[in-house]
PDB file of N, CA and C in Angstrom:
ATOM      1  N   UNK A   1     -51.027   6.081  18.663  1.00  0.00           N
ATOM      2  CA  UNK A   1     -52.084   6.602  18.156  1.00  0.00           C
ATOM      3  C   UNK A   1     -52.034   8.173  17.908  1.00  0.00           C
ATOM      4  N   UNK A   2     -52.735   8.603  16.731  1.00  0.00           N
ATOM      5  CA  UNK A   2     -52.731   9.854  16.494  1.00  0.00           C
ATOM      6  C   UNK A   2     -53.918  10.650  16.287  1.00  0.00           C
ATOM      7  N   UNK A   3     -54.478  10.748  17.462  1.00  0.00           N
ATOM      8  CA  UNK A   3     -56.131  11.454  17.546  1.00  0.00           C
ATOM      9  C   UNK A   3     -55.744  12.856  17.206  1.00  0.00           C
ATOM     10  N   UNK A   4     -56.716  13.150  16.283  1.00  0.00           N
ATOM     11  CA  UNK A   4     -56.731  14.727  15.956  1.00  0.00           C
ATOM     12  C   UNK A   4     -55.593  14.892  14.781  1.00  0.00           C
ATOM     13  N   UNK A   5     -55.004  14.010  14.468  1.00  0.00           N
ATOM     14  CA  UNK A   5     -53.868  14.203  13.488  1.00  0.00           C
ATOM     15  C   UNK A   5     -54.347  13.665  12.096  1.00  0.00           C
ATOM     16  N   UNK A   6     -55.480  14.284  11.549  1.00  0.00           N
ATOM     17  CA  UNK A   6     -55.993  13.682  10.398  1.00  0.00           C
ATOM     18  C   UNK A   6     -55.203  13.575   9.251  1.00  0.00           C
ATOM     19  N   UNK A   7     -54.183  14.412   9.143  1.00  0.00           N
ATOM     20  CA  UNK A   7     -53.363  14.281   7.710  1.00  0.00           C
ATOM     21  C   UNK A   7     -52.684  12.953   7.790  1.00  0.00           C
ATOM     22  N   UNK A   8     -52.205  12.530   8.969  1.00  0.00           N
ATOM     23  CA  UNK A   8     -51.491  11.142   9.030  1.00  0.00           C
ATOM     24  C   UNK A   8     -52.383  10.079   8.208  1.00  0.00           C
ATOM     25  N   UNK A   9     -53.786  10.053   8.721  1.00  0.00           N
ATOM     26  CA  UNK A   9     -54.519   8.974   8.239  1.00  0.00           C
ATOM     27  C   UNK A   9     -54.995   9.278   6.697  1.00  0.00           C
ATOM     28  N   UNK A  10     -55.019  10.584   6.350  1.00  0.00           N
ATOM     29  CA  UNK A  10     -55.661  11.017   4.949  1.00  0.00           C
ATOM     30  C   UNK A  10     -54.392  10.525   4.057  1.00  0.00           C
ATOM     31  N   UNK A  11     -53.218  10.849   4.300  1.00  0.00           N
ATOM     32  CA  UNK A  11     -52.110  10.624   3.720  1.00  0.00           C
ATOM     33  C   UNK A  11     -51.970   8.946   3.084  1.00  0.00           C
ATOM     34  N   UNK A  12     -52.215   8.090   4.230  1.00  0.00           N
ATOM     35  CA  UNK A  12     -52.415   6.593   4.148  1.00  0.00           C
ATOM     36  C   UNK A  12     -53.233   6.372   2.991  1.00  0.00           C
ATOM     37  N   UNK A  13     -54.454   7.024   3.222  1.00  0.00           N
ATOM     38  CA  UNK A  13     -55.698   6.486   2.325  1.00  0.00           C
ATOM     39  C   UNK A  13     -55.432   7.183   0.974  1.00  0.00           C
ATOM     40  N   UNK A  14     -54.705   8.395   0.724  1.00  0.00           N
ATOM     41  CA  UNK A  14     -54.475   8.859  -0.759  1.00  0.00           C
ATOM     42  C   UNK A  14     -53.424   7.940  -1.286  1.00  0.00           C
ATOM     43  N   UNK A  15     -52.419   7.401  -0.600  1.00  0.00           N
ATOM     44  CA  UNK A  15     -51.508   6.529  -1.188  1.00  0.00           C
ATOM     45  C   UNK A  15     -52.245   5.271  -1.677  1.00  0.00           C
ATOM     46  N   UNK A  16     -53.397   4.830  -1.400  1.00  0.00           N
ATOM     47  CA  UNK A  16     -54.171   3.589  -1.756  1.00  0.00           C
ATOM     48  C   UNK A  16     -55.346   3.773  -2.682  1.00  0.00           C
ATOM     49  N   UNK A  17     -55.945   5.162  -2.583  1.00  0.00           N
ATOM     50  CA  UNK A  17     -57.105   5.299  -3.373  1.00  0.00           C
ATOM     51  C   UNK A  17     -56.906   6.726  -4.069  1.00  0.00           C
ATOM     52  N   UNK A  18     -57.472   6.895  -5.278  1.00  0.00           N
ATOM     53  CA  UNK A  18     -57.574   8.224  -5.893  1.00  0.00           C
ATOM     54  C   UNK A  18     -58.521   9.137  -4.853  1.00  0.00           C
ATOM     55  N   UNK A  19     -58.293  10.218  -4.851  1.00  0.00           N
ATOM     56  CA  UNK A  19     -58.873  11.377  -4.215  1.00  0.00           C
ATOM     57  C   UNK A  19     -60.492  11.256  -4.319  1.00  0.00           C
ATOM     58  N   UNK A  20     -60.781  11.159  -5.748  1.00  0.00           N
ATOM     59  CA  UNK A  20     -62.309  11.127  -5.832  1.00  0.00           C
ATOM     60  C   UNK A  20     -63.041   9.997  -5.490  1.00  0.00           C
ATOM     61  N   UNK A  21     -62.575   9.013  -4.762  1.00  0.00           N
ATOM     62  CA  UNK A  21     -63.074   7.687  -4.064  1.00  0.00           C
ATOM     63  C   UNK A  21     -63.013   8.097  -2.679  1.00  0.00           C
ATOM     64  N   UNK A  22     -62.613   9.013  -2.017  1.00  0.00           N
ATOM     65  CA  UNK A  22     -62.578   9.277  -0.769  1.00  0.00           C
ATOM     66  C   UNK A  22     -63.550  10.542  -0.315  1.00  0.00           C
ATOM     67  N   UNK A  23     -64.436  10.226   0.551  1.00  0.00           N
ATOM     68  CA  UNK A  23     -65.335  11.499   0.950  1.00  0.00           C
ATOM     69  C   UNK A  23     -64.869  11.952   2.351  1.00  0.00           C
ATOM     70  N   UNK A  24     -64.736  13.147   2.276  1.00  0.00           N
ATOM     71  CA  UNK A  24     -64.213  13.992   3.750  1.00  0.00           C
ATOM     72  C   UNK A  24     -65.209  14.861   3.907  1.00  0.00           C
ATOM     73  N   UNK A  25     -65.605  15.056   5.424  1.00  0.00           N
ATOM     74  CA  UNK A  25     -66.376  16.069   5.757  1.00  0.00           C
ATOM     75  C   UNK A  25     -66.025  16.675   7.099  1.00  0.00           C
ATOM     76  N   UNK A  26     -66.502  17.824   7.281  1.00  0.00           N
ATOM     77  CA  UNK A  26     -66.131  18.458   8.568  1.00  0.00           C
ATOM     78  C   UNK A  26     -67.139  18.231   9.712  1.00  0.00           C
ATOM     79  N   UNK A  27     -66.825  17.886  10.749  1.00  0.00           N
ATOM     80  CA  UNK A  27     -67.882  17.649  11.881  1.00  0.00           C
ATOM     81  C   UNK A  27     -68.646  19.078  12.041  1.00  0.00           C
ATOM     82  N   UNK A  28     -68.091  20.163  11.925  1.00  0.00           N
ATOM     83  CA  UNK A  28     -68.717  21.499  11.969  1.00  0.00           C
ATOM     84  C   UNK A  28     -69.775  21.507  10.921  1.00  0.00           C
ATOM     85  N   UNK A  29     -69.740  21.124   9.765  1.00  0.00           N
ATOM     86  CA  UNK A  29     -70.656  21.237   8.754  1.00  0.00           C
ATOM     87  C   UNK A  29     -71.605  20.331   9.041  1.00  0.00           C
ATOM     88  N   UNK A  30     -71.486  19.043   9.584  1.00  0.00           N
ATOM     89  CA  UNK A  30     -72.656  18.095  10.045  1.00  0.00           C
ATOM     90  C   UNK A  30     -73.264  18.779  11.287  1.00  0.00           C
ATOM     91  N   UNK A  31     -72.832  19.196  12.204  1.00  0.00           N
ATOM     92  CA  UNK A  31     -73.374  19.992  13.342  1.00  0.00           C
ATOM     93  C   UNK A  31     -74.252  21.061  12.828  1.00  0.00           C
ATOM     94  N   UNK A  32     -73.661  21.803  11.712  1.00  0.00           N
ATOM     95  CA  UNK A  32     -74.330  23.170  11.460  1.00  0.00           C
ATOM     96  C   UNK A  32     -75.723  22.752  10.620  1.00  0.00           C
ATOM     97  N   UNK A  33     -75.768  21.525   9.669  1.00  0.00           N
ATOM     98  CA  UNK A  33     -76.731  21.220   8.821  1.00  0.00           C
ATOM     99  C   UNK A  33     -76.666  19.562   8.681  1.00  0.00           C
ATOM    100  N   UNK A  34     -77.240  18.979   9.526  1.00  0.00           N
ATOM    101  CA  UNK A  34     -77.194  17.350   9.600  1.00  0.00           C
ATOM    102  C   UNK A  34     -77.675  16.856   8.275  1.00  0.00           C
ATOM    103  N   UNK A  35     -78.890  17.346   7.840  1.00  0.00           N
ATOM    104  CA  UNK A  35     -79.470  16.968   6.697  1.00  0.00           C
ATOM    105  C   UNK A  35     -78.876  17.164   5.305  1.00  0.00           C
ATOM    106  N   UNK A  36     -78.217  18.510   5.136  1.00  0.00           N
ATOM    107  CA  UNK A  36     -77.254  18.632   4.026  1.00  0.00           C
ATOM    108  C   UNK A  36     -76.138  17.662   4.157  1.00  0.00           C
ATOM    109  N   UNK A  37     -75.496  17.415   5.351  1.00  0.00           N
ATOM    110  CA  UNK A  37     -74.408  16.675   5.186  1.00  0.00           C
ATOM    111  C   UNK A  37     -74.696  15.066   4.734  1.00  0.00           C
ATOM    112  N   UNK A  38     -75.746  14.724   5.313  1.00  0.00           N
ATOM    113  CA  UNK A  38     -76.260  13.230   4.832  1.00  0.00           C
ATOM    114  C   UNK A  38     -76.753  13.224   3.572  1.00  0.00           C
ATOM    115  N   UNK A  39     -77.366  14.299   3.014  1.00  0.00           N
ATOM    116  CA  UNK A  39     -77.510  14.191   1.527  1.00  0.00           C
ATOM    117  C   UNK A  39     -76.177  14.339   0.677  1.00  0.00           C
ATOM    118  N   UNK A  40     -75.089  15.150   1.209  1.00  0.00           N
ATOM    119  CA  UNK A  40     -73.949  14.812   0.547  1.00  0.00           C
ATOM    120  C   UNK A  40     -73.169  13.667   0.332  1.00  0.00           C
ATOM    121  N   UNK A  41     -73.369  12.978   1.620  1.00  0.00           N
ATOM    122  CA  UNK A  41     -72.928  11.619   1.796  1.00  0.00           C
ATOM    123  C   UNK A  41     -73.592  10.513   0.651  1.00  0.00           C
ATOM    124  N   UNK A  42     -74.882  10.704   0.765  1.00  0.00           N
ATOM    125  CA  UNK A  42     -75.843   9.884  -0.147  1.00  0.00           C
ATOM    126  C   UNK A  42     -75.424  10.186  -1.556  1.00  0.00           C
ATOM    127  N   UNK A  43     -75.055  11.300  -1.958  1.00  0.00           N
ATOM    128  CA  UNK A  43     -74.757  11.923  -3.277  1.00  0.00           C
ATOM    129  C   UNK A  43     -73.537  11.243  -3.674  1.00  0.00           C
ATOM    130  N   UNK A  44     -72.438  11.361  -2.788  1.00  0.00           N
ATOM    131  CA  UNK A  44     -71.030  10.718  -2.956  1.00  0.00           C
ATOM    132  C   UNK A  44     -71.130   9.402  -3.379  1.00  0.00           C
ATOM    133  N   UNK A  45     -72.148   8.573  -2.610  1.00  0.00           N
ATOM    134  CA  UNK A  45     -72.098   7.128  -2.585  1.00  0.00           C
ATOM    135  C   UNK A  45     -72.922   6.733  -3.825  1.00  0.00           C
ATOM    136  N   UNK A  46     -73.747   7.626  -4.223  1.00  0.00           N
ATOM    137  CA  UNK A  46     -74.748   7.565  -5.414  1.00  0.00           C
ATOM    138  C   UNK A  46     -75.658   6.451  -5.060  1.00  0.00           C
ATOM    139  N   UNK A  47     -76.357   6.882  -3.946  1.00  0.00           N
ATOM    140  CA  UNK A  47     -77.484   6.120  -3.464  1.00  0.00           C
ATOM    141  C   UNK A  47     -78.683   7.053  -3.157  1.00  0.00           C
ATOM    142  N   UNK A  48     -79.791   6.253  -3.122  1.00  0.00           N
ATOM    143  CA  UNK A  48     -81.043   7.122  -3.068  1.00  0.00           C
ATOM    144  C   UNK A  48     -80.933   7.707  -1.597  1.00  0.00           C
ATOM    145  N   UNK A  49     -81.491   8.959  -1.336  1.00  0.00           N
ATOM    146  CA  UNK A  49     -81.608   9.470   0.125  1.00  0.00           C
ATOM    147  C   UNK A  49     -82.415   8.721   0.941  1.00  0.00           C
ATOM    148  N   UNK A  50     -82.226   9.087   2.160  1.00  0.00           N
ATOM    149  CA  UNK A  50     -83.329   8.548   3.214  1.00  0.00           C
ATOM    150  C   UNK A  50     -84.802   9.045   3.013  1.00  0.00           C
ATOM    151  N   UNK A  51     -85.629   8.312   3.279  1.00  0.00           N
ATOM    152  CA  UNK A  51     -87.133   8.979   3.528  1.00  0.00           C
ATOM    153  C   UNK A  51     -87.043   9.957   4.181  1.00  0.00           C
ATOM    154  N   UNK A  52     -87.977  10.877   3.990  1.00  0.00           N
ATOM    155  CA  UNK A  52     -88.004  12.259   4.593  1.00  0.00           C
ATOM    156  C   UNK A  52     -88.320  12.046   5.992  1.00  0.00           C
ATOM    157  N   UNK A  53     -89.059  11.242   6.414  1.00  0.00           N
ATOM    158  CA  UNK A  53     -89.516  11.061   7.641  1.00  0.00           C
ATOM    159  C   UNK A  53     -88.242  10.428   8.653  1.00  0.00           C
ATOM    160  N   UNK A  54     -87.551   9.337   7.931  1.00  0.00           N
ATOM    161  CA  UNK A  54     -86.489   8.839   8.481  1.00  0.00           C
ATOM    162  C   UNK A  54     -85.431   9.791   8.624  1.00  0.00           C
ATOM    163  N   UNK A  55     -85.193  10.563   7.825  1.00  0.00           N
ATOM    164  CA  UNK A  55     -84.086  11.690   7.767  1.00  0.00           C
ATOM    165  C   UNK A  55     -84.549  12.605   8.991  1.00  0.00           C
ATOM    166  N   UNK A  56     -85.800  13.043   9.123  1.00  0.00           N
ATOM    167  CA  UNK A  56     -86.194  13.931  10.204  1.00  0.00           C
ATOM    168  C   UNK A  56     -85.880  13.191  11.671  1.00  0.00           C
ATOM    169  N   UNK A  57     -86.080  11.895  11.787  1.00  0.00           N
ATOM    170  CA  UNK A  57     -85.780  11.318  13.154  1.00  0.00           C
ATOM    171  C   UNK A  57     -84.414  11.363  13.251  1.00  0.00           C
ATOM    172  N   UNK A  58     -83.520  11.008  12.286  1.00  0.00           N
ATOM    173  CA  UNK A  58     -82.116  10.904  12.493  1.00  0.00           C
ATOM    174  C   UNK A  58     -81.702  12.405  12.961  1.00  0.00           C
ATOM    175  N   UNK A  59     -82.098  13.412  12.299  1.00  0.00           N
ATOM    176  CA  UNK A  59     -81.487  14.765  12.543  1.00  0.00           C
ATOM    177  C   UNK A  59     -81.976  15.044  13.982  1.00  0.00           C
ATOM    178  N   UNK A  60     -83.358  14.756  14.372  1.00  0.00           N
ATOM    179  CA  UNK A  60     -83.710  15.126  15.590  1.00  0.00           C
ATOM    180  C   UNK A  60     -82.811  14.267  16.803  1.00  0.00           C
ATOM    181  N   UNK A  61     -82.439  13.096  16.617  1.00  0.00           N
ATOM    182  CA  UNK A  61     -81.731  12.421  17.474  1.00  0.00           C
ATOM    183  C   UNK A  61     -80.342  12.986  17.539  1.00  0.00           C
ATOM    184  N   UNK A  62     -79.852  13.445  16.559  1.00  0.00           N
ATOM    185  CA  UNK A  62     -78.451  14.301  16.557  1.00  0.00           C
ATOM    186  C   UNK A  62     -78.581  15.411  17.320  1.00  0.00           C
ATOM    187  N   UNK A  63     -79.750  16.310  17.187  1.00  0.00           N
ATOM    188  CA  UNK A  63     -79.870  17.254  17.934  1.00  0.00           C
ATOM    189  C   UNK A  63     -79.996  17.132  19.393  1.00  0.00           C
ATOM    190  N   UNK A  64     -80.619  16.169  19.813  1.00  0.00           N
ATOM    191  CA  UNK A  64     -80.904  15.814  21.072  1.00  0.00           C
ATOM    192  C   UNK A  64     -79.210  15.402  21.918  1.00  0.00           C
ATOM    193  N   UNK A  65     -78.564  14.644  21.026  1.00  0.00           N
ATOM    194  CA  UNK A  65     -77.164  14.085  21.571  1.00  0.00           C
ATOM    195  C   UNK A  65     -76.466  15.345  21.573  1.00  0.00           C
ATOM    196  N   UNK A  66     -76.401  16.211  20.756  1.00  0.00           N
ATOM    197  CA  UNK A  66     -75.655  17.482  20.833  1.00  0.00           C
ATOM    198  C   UNK A  66     -76.122  18.495  22.000  1.00  0.00           C
ATOM    199  N   UNK A  67     -77.251  18.539  22.448  1.00  0.00           N
ATOM    200  CA  UNK A  67     -77.712  19.284  23.444  1.00  0.00           C
ATOM    201  C   UNK A  67     -77.270  18.829  24.874  1.00  0.00           C
ATOM    202  N   UNK A  68     -76.943  17.740  24.807  1.00  0.00           N
ATOM    203  CA  UNK A  68     -76.514  17.000  26.114  1.00  0.00           C
ATOM    204  C   UNK A  68     -75.020  17.106  26.692  1.00  0.00           C
ATOM    205  N   UNK A  69     -74.183  17.697  25.396  1.00  0.00           N
ATOM    206  CA  UNK A  69     -72.689  17.916  25.714  1.00  0.00           C
ATOM    207  C   UNK A  69     -72.375  19.114  25.849  1.00  0.00           C
ATOM    208  N   UNK A  70     -71.536  19.302  27.012  1.00  0.00           N
ATOM    209  CA  UNK A  70     -71.078  20.621  27.316  1.00  0.00           C
ATOM    210  C   UNK A  70     -69.620  20.758  27.018  1.00  0.00           C
ATOM    211  N   UNK A  71     -68.997  22.001  27.003  1.00  0.00           N
ATOM    212  CA  UNK A  71     -67.699  22.320  26.668  1.00  0.00           C
ATOM    213  C   UNK A  71     -67.080  23.264  27.773  1.00  0.00           C
ATOM    214  N   UNK A  72     -66.135  22.526  28.451  1.00  0.00           N
ATOM    215  CA  UNK A  72     -65.421  23.374  29.462  1.00  0.00           C
ATOM    216  C   UNK A  72     -64.353  24.303  28.862  1.00  0.00           C
ATOM    217  N   UNK A  73     -64.316  25.529  29.743  1.00  0.00           N
ATOM    218  CA  UNK A  73     -63.170  26.359  29.235  1.00  0.00           C
ATOM    219  C   UNK A  73     -61.774  25.785  29.287  1.00  0.00           C
ATOM    220  N   UNK A  74     -60.952  26.381  28.594  1.00  0.00           N
ATOM    221  CA  UNK A  74     -59.611  25.640  28.567  1.00  0.00           C
ATOM    222  C   UNK A  74     -58.610  26.595  29.038  1.00  0.00           C
ATOM    223  N   UNK A  75     -57.570  26.167  29.675  1.00  0.00           N
ATOM    224  CA  UNK A  75     -56.449  27.220  30.261  1.00  0.00           C
ATOM    225  C   UNK A  75     -55.760  27.553  28.885  1.00  0.00           C
ATOM    226  N   UNK A  76     -55.556  29.052  28.997  1.00  0.00           N
ATOM    227  CA  UNK A  76     -54.771  29.396  27.757  1.00  0.00           C
ATOM    228  C   UNK A  76     -53.539  28.851  27.394  1.00  0.00           C
ATOM    229  N   UNK A  77     -52.796  28.228  28.568  1.00  0.00           N
ATOM    230  CA  UNK A  77     -51.585  27.748  28.343  1.00  0.00           C
ATOM    231  C   UNK A  77     -51.709  26.378  27.533  1.00  0.00           C
ATOM    232  N   UNK A  78     -52.756  25.574  28.039  1.00  0.00           N
ATOM    233  CA  UNK A  78     -52.977  24.230  27.461  1.00  0.00           C
ATOM    234  C   UNK A  78     -53.483  24.481  26.003  1.00  0.00           C
ATOM    235  N   UNK A  79     -54.441  25.411  25.518  1.00  0.00           N
ATOM    236  CA  UNK A  79     -54.831  25.881  24.368  1.00  0.00           C
ATOM    237  C   UNK A  79     -53.697  26.040  23.403  1.00  0.00           C
ATOM    238  N   UNK A  80     -52.743  26.818  23.848  1.00  0.00           N
ATOM    239  CA  UNK A  80     -51.483  27.269  23.111  1.00  0.00           C
ATOM    240  C   UNK A  80     -50.601  25.855  22.847  1.00  0.00           C
ATOM    241  N   UNK A  81     -50.536  25.066  23.886  1.00  0.00           N
ATOM    242  CA  UNK A  81     -49.645  23.817  23.657  1.00  0.00           C
ATOM    243  C   UNK A  81     -50.404  23.032  22.808  1.00  0.00           C
ATOM    244  N   UNK A  82     -51.594  22.954  22.645  1.00  0.00           N
ATOM    245  CA  UNK A  82     -52.494  22.117  21.786  1.00  0.00           C
ATOM    246  C   UNK A  82     -52.410  22.597  20.213  1.00  0.00           C
ATOM    247  N   UNK A  83     -52.364  23.919  20.190  1.00  0.00           N
ATOM    248  CA  UNK A  83     -52.295  24.733  18.844  1.00  0.00           C
ATOM    249  C   UNK A  83     -50.932  24.284  18.391  1.00  0.00           C
ATOM    250  N   UNK A  84     -49.840  24.567  19.119  1.00  0.00           N
ATOM    251  CA  UNK A  84     -48.633  24.347  18.614  1.00  0.00           C
ATOM    252  C   UNK A  84     -48.250  22.767  18.261  1.00  0.00           C
ATOM    253  N   UNK A  85     -48.803  21.924  18.767  1.00  0.00           N
ATOM    254  CA  UNK A  85     -48.734  20.475  18.639  1.00  0.00           C
ATOM    255  C   UNK A  85     -49.296  20.270  17.335  1.00  0.00           C
ATOM    256  N   UNK A  86     -50.617  20.722  17.135  1.00  0.00           N
ATOM    257  CA  UNK A  86     -51.427  20.316  15.841  1.00  0.00           C
ATOM    258  C   UNK A  86     -51.040  21.218  14.833  1.00  0.00           C
ATOM    259  N   UNK A  87     -50.351  22.424  14.911  1.00  0.00           N
ATOM    260  CA  UNK A  87     -49.970  23.175  13.851  1.00  0.00           C
ATOM    261  C   UNK A  87     -49.545  22.400  12.292  1.00  0.00           C
ATOM    262  N   UNK A  88     -48.490  21.685  12.622  1.00  0.00           N
ATOM    263  CA  UNK A  88     -47.911  21.213  11.435  1.00  0.00           C
ATOM    264  C   UNK A  88     -48.958  20.063  10.765  1.00  0.00           C
ATOM    265  N   UNK A  89     -49.802  19.434  11.410  1.00  0.00           N
ATOM    266  CA  UNK A  89     -50.772  18.508  10.984  1.00  0.00           C
ATOM    267  C   UNK A  89     -51.772  19.102  10.431  1.00  0.00           C
ATOM    268  N   UNK A  90     -52.210  20.319  10.958  1.00  0.00           N
ATOM    269  CA  UNK A  90     -53.271  21.065  10.200  1.00  0.00           C
ATOM    270  C   UNK A  90     -52.829  21.681   8.841  1.00  0.00           C
ATOM    271  N   UNK A  91     -51.437  22.181   8.856  1.00  0.00           N
ATOM    272  CA  UNK A  91     -51.035  22.698   7.614  1.00  0.00           C
ATOM    273  C   UNK A  91     -50.942  21.516   6.581  1.00  0.00           C
ATOM    274  N   UNK A  92     -50.531  20.413   6.875  1.00  0.00           N
ATOM    275  CA  UNK A  92     -50.468  19.319   6.013  1.00  0.00           C
ATOM    276  C   UNK A  92     -51.857  18.848   5.687  1.00  0.00           C
ATOM    277  N   UNK A  93     -52.846  18.988   6.434  1.00  0.00           N
ATOM    278  CA  UNK A  93     -54.126  18.706   6.033  1.00  0.00           C
ATOM    279  C   UNK A  93     -54.681  19.616   5.016  1.00  0.00           C
ATOM    280  N   UNK A  94     -54.437  20.726   5.104  1.00  0.00           N
ATOM    281  CA  UNK A  94     -54.890  21.980   4.176  1.00  0.00           C
ATOM    282  C   UNK A  94     -54.061  21.706   2.765  1.00  0.00           C
ATOM    283  N   UNK A  95     -53.079  21.249   2.781  1.00  0.00           N
ATOM    284  CA  UNK A  95     -52.092  20.845   1.510  1.00  0.00           C
ATOM    285  C   UNK A  95     -52.799  19.755   0.922  1.00  0.00           C
ATOM    286  N   UNK A  96     -53.157  18.725   1.593  1.00  0.00           N
ATOM    287  CA  UNK A  96     -53.917  17.506   0.919  1.00  0.00           C
ATOM    288  C   UNK A  96     -55.141  17.577   0.548  1.00  0.00           C
ATOM    289  N   UNK A  97     -55.886  18.270   1.289  1.00  0.00           N
ATOM    290  CA  UNK A  97     -57.575  18.256   0.633  1.00  0.00           C
ATOM    291  C   UNK A  97     -58.179  19.703   0.803  1.00  0.00           C
ATOM    292  N   UNK A  98     -57.307  20.693   0.968  1.00  0.00           N
ATOM    293  CA  UNK A  98     -57.890  22.133   0.795  1.00  0.00           C
ATOM    294  C   UNK A  98     -57.750  22.892   1.984  1.00  0.00           C
ATOM    295  N   UNK A  99     -57.566  24.149   1.831  1.00  0.00           N
ATOM    296  CA  UNK A  99     -57.337  25.134   2.821  1.00  0.00           C
ATOM    297  C   UNK A  99     -58.218  25.258   3.721  1.00  0.00           C
ATOM    298  N   UNK A 100     -59.703  25.022   3.330  1.00  0.00           N
ATOM    299  CA  UNK A 100     -60.840  24.992   4.321  1.00  0.00           C
ATOM    300  C   UNK A 100     -60.492  23.924   5.567  1.00  0.00           C
ATOM    301  N   UNK A 101     -59.783  22.830   5.382  1.00  0.00           N
ATOM    302  CA  UNK A 101     -59.608  22.058   6.306  1.00  0.00           C
ATOM    303  C   UNK A 101     -58.487  22.356   7.268  1.00  0.00           C
ATOM    304  N   UNK A 102     -57.667  23.600   7.060  1.00  0.00           N
ATOM    305  CA  UNK A 102     -56.456  23.899   7.477  1.00  0.00           C
ATOM    306  C   UNK A 102     -57.008  24.700   8.895  1.00  0.00           C
ATOM    307  N   UNK A 103     -56.995  24.022   9.993  1.00  0.00           N
ATOM    308  CA  UNK A 103     -57.617  24.773  11.380  1.00  0.00           C
ATOM    309  C   UNK A 103     -56.832  25.630  11.761  1.00  0.00           C
ATOM    310  N   UNK A 104     -55.617  25.731  11.282  1.00  0.00           N
ATOM    311  CA  UNK A 104     -54.863  27.072  11.886  1.00  0.00           C
ATOM    312  C   UNK A 104     -55.310  28.317  11.427  1.00  0.00           C
ATOM    313  N   UNK A 105     -55.927  28.389  10.168  1.00  0.00           N
ATOM    314  CA  UNK A 105     -56.511  29.440   9.725  1.00  0.00           C
ATOM    315  C   UNK A 105     -57.690  30.159  10.356  1.00  0.00           C
ATOM    316  N   UNK A 106     -58.331  29.417  11.388  1.00  0.00           N
ATOM    317  CA  UNK A 106     -59.563  29.862  11.918  1.00  0.00           C
ATOM    318  C   UNK A 106     -59.170  29.950  13.463  1.00  0.00           C
ATOM    319  N   UNK A 107     -59.632  31.173  13.872  1.00  0.00           N
ATOM    320  CA  UNK A 107     -59.341  31.584  15.514  1.00  0.00           C
ATOM    321  C   UNK A 107     -60.280  30.475  16.286  1.00  0.00           C
TER     322      UNK A 107
END
């Protein structure tokens, strides 16, 4: 299993489907603006957006779920080990779908 090594999976998809048939988004973008992220998905799929009230409830549920999740501090050595492991996968991801997805470029 290749958890977090997105480039491995995306390469497989790109072998089977043209790039314009694959929608890729960042979790960070969804967390920053769930409404806009959902609108992008609906647009990509060429379907009507959700009713405004339904959209409001979905976004509200997402905010509640996010508020209950905590993130613990990581040991420096562990962080470096993970960064070293994921570095080639992040570089390949940037090559495949754009440098904004190369997480090595962000501190």
